[in-house]
Amino acid sequence: MDRRRLWMMWWSGLLAAATFVHLLRTITGGPVVVGSMAVPLRVSWVIVPVAGGASVWLVRQARGAG
């Protein structure tokens, strides 16, 4: 596997992990506080499909399917 494909697979894995964490947050409703600001739950609702779609797209690109 060349370096570009390996790079795509690594980023795909990181995005999949972010998708999973945010999906768990949307299911449980867990709070996230950055400094003194509470991050709204709707942020996770946006991140789940965006990061999930990007992860799937990167895997398909790395495997040569797209």
C-alpha atoms as a PDB file:
ATOM      1  CA  MET A   1       0.000   0.000   0.000  1.00  0.00           C
ATOM      2  CA  ASP A   2       1.473   3.335  -0.976  1.00  0.00           C
ATOM      3  CA  ARG A   3       1.769   6.276   1.397  1.00  0.00           C
ATOM      4  CA  ARG A   4      -1.234   8.149   0.033  1.00  0.00           C
ATOM      5  CA  ARG A   5      -3.557   5.203   0.587  1.00  0.00           C
ATOM      6  CA  LEU A   6      -2.152   4.608   4.049  1.00  0.00           C
ATOM      7  CA  TRP A   7      -2.698   8.295   4.853  1.00  0.00           C
ATOM      8  CA  MET A   8      -6.322   8.004   3.704  1.00  0.00           C
ATOM      9  CA  MET A   9      -6.909   4.929   5.853  1.00  0.00           C
ATOM     10  CA  TRP A  10      -5.468   6.640   8.956  1.00  0.00           C
ATOM     11  CA  TRP A  11      -7.672   9.709   8.490  1.00  0.00           C
ATOM     12  CA  SER A  12     -10.634   7.471   7.805  1.00  0.00           C
ATOM     13  CA  GLY A  13     -10.054   5.699  11.113  1.00  0.00           C
ATOM     14  CA  LEU A  14      -9.799   8.993  13.006  1.00  0.00           C
ATOM     15  CA  LEU A  15     -13.016  10.258  11.423  1.00  0.00           C
ATOM     16  CA  ALA A  16     -14.758   6.970  12.200  1.00  0.00           C
ATOM     17  CA  ALA A  17     -13.699   7.301  15.843  1.00  0.00           C
ATOM     18  CA  ALA A  18     -15.025  10.876  15.945  1.00  0.00           C
ATOM     19  CA  THR A  19     -18.290   9.662  14.414  1.00  0.00           C
ATOM     20  CA  PHE A  20     -18.616   6.933  17.025  1.00  0.00           C
ATOM     21  CA  VAL A  21     -17.889   9.278  19.943  1.00  0.00           C
ATOM     22  CA  HIS A  22     -20.361  11.879  18.734  1.00  0.00           C
ATOM     23  CA  LEU A  23     -22.981   9.210  18.051  1.00  0.00           C
ATOM     24  CA  LEU A  24     -22.609   8.030  21.643  1.00  0.00           C
ATOM     25  CA  ARG A  25     -22.941  11.622  22.796  1.00  0.00           C
ATOM     26  CA  THR A  26     -26.166  12.091  20.840  1.00  0.00           C
ATOM     27  CA  ILE A  27     -27.610   8.880  22.266  1.00  0.00           C
ATOM     28  CA  THR A  28     -26.646   9.556  25.880  1.00  0.00           C
ATOM     29  CA  GLY A  29     -26.968  13.345  25.822  1.00  0.00           C
ATOM     30  CA  GLY A  30     -23.654  13.732  27.603  1.00  0.00           C
ATOM     31  CA  PRO A  31     -22.433  17.268  28.252  1.00  0.00           C
ATOM     32  CA  VAL A  32     -19.254  18.681  26.756  1.00  0.00           C
ATOM     33  CA  VAL A  33     -17.722  21.825  28.213  1.00  0.00           C
ATOM     34  CA  VAL A  34     -14.801  23.621  26.593  1.00  0.00           C
ATOM     35  CA  GLY A  35     -13.469  26.201  28.984  1.00  0.00           C
ATOM     36  CA  SER A  36     -16.541  27.962  30.297  1.00  0.00           C
ATOM     37  CA  MET A  37     -18.706  27.277  27.224  1.00  0.00           C
ATOM     38  CA  ALA A  38     -21.069  24.299  26.979  1.00  0.00           C
ATOM     39  CA  VAL A  39     -21.076  22.796  23.469  1.00  0.00           C
ATOM     40  CA  PRO A  40     -24.658  22.293  22.230  1.00  0.00           C
ATOM     41  CA  LEU A  41     -25.840  18.772  21.427  1.00  0.00           C
ATOM     42  CA  ARG A  42     -26.837  19.835  17.904  1.00  0.00           C
ATOM     43  CA  VAL A  43     -23.127  20.119  17.060  1.00  0.00           C
ATOM     44  CA  SER A  44     -22.838  16.349  17.439  1.00  0.00           C
ATOM     45  CA  TRP A  45     -25.889  15.852  15.208  1.00  0.00           C
ATOM     46  CA  VAL A  46     -24.027  17.702  12.464  1.00  0.00           C
ATOM     47  CA  ILE A  47     -20.684  15.973  13.022  1.00  0.00           C
ATOM     48  CA  VAL A  48     -22.073  12.406  12.895  1.00  0.00           C
ATOM     49  CA  PRO A  49     -23.168  12.397   9.216  1.00  0.00           C
ATOM     50  CA  VAL A  50     -20.379  14.697   8.026  1.00  0.00           C
ATOM     51  CA  ALA A  51     -17.502  12.784   9.650  1.00  0.00           C
ATOM     52  CA  GLY A  52     -19.132   9.432   8.893  1.00  0.00           C
ATOM     53  CA  GLY A  53     -19.561  10.307   5.227  1.00  0.00           C
ATOM     54  CA  ALA A  54     -16.005  11.590   4.962  1.00  0.00           C
ATOM     55  CA  SER A  55     -14.716   8.401   6.600  1.00  0.00           C
ATOM     56  CA  VAL A  56     -16.590   6.172   4.158  1.00  0.00           C
ATOM     57  CA  TRP A  57     -15.470   8.305   1.227  1.00  0.00           C
ATOM     58  CA  LEU A  58     -11.802   8.078   2.283  1.00  0.00           C
ATOM     59  CA  VAL A  59     -11.995   4.284   2.650  1.00  0.00           C
ATOM     60  CA  ARG A  60     -13.524   3.976  -0.807  1.00  0.00           C
ATOM     61  CA  GLN A  61     -10.830   6.236  -2.273  1.00  0.00           C
ATOM     62  CA  ALA A  62      -8.064   4.288  -0.564  1.00  0.00           C
ATOM     63  CA  ARG A  63      -9.413   0.977  -1.817  1.00  0.00           C
ATOM     64  CA  GLY A  64      -9.700   2.330  -5.342  1.00  0.00           C
ATOM     65  CA  ALA A  65     -13.494   2.069  -5.558  1.00  0.00           C
ATOM     66  CA  GLY A  66     -14.192   5.669  -6.318  1.00  0.00           C
END
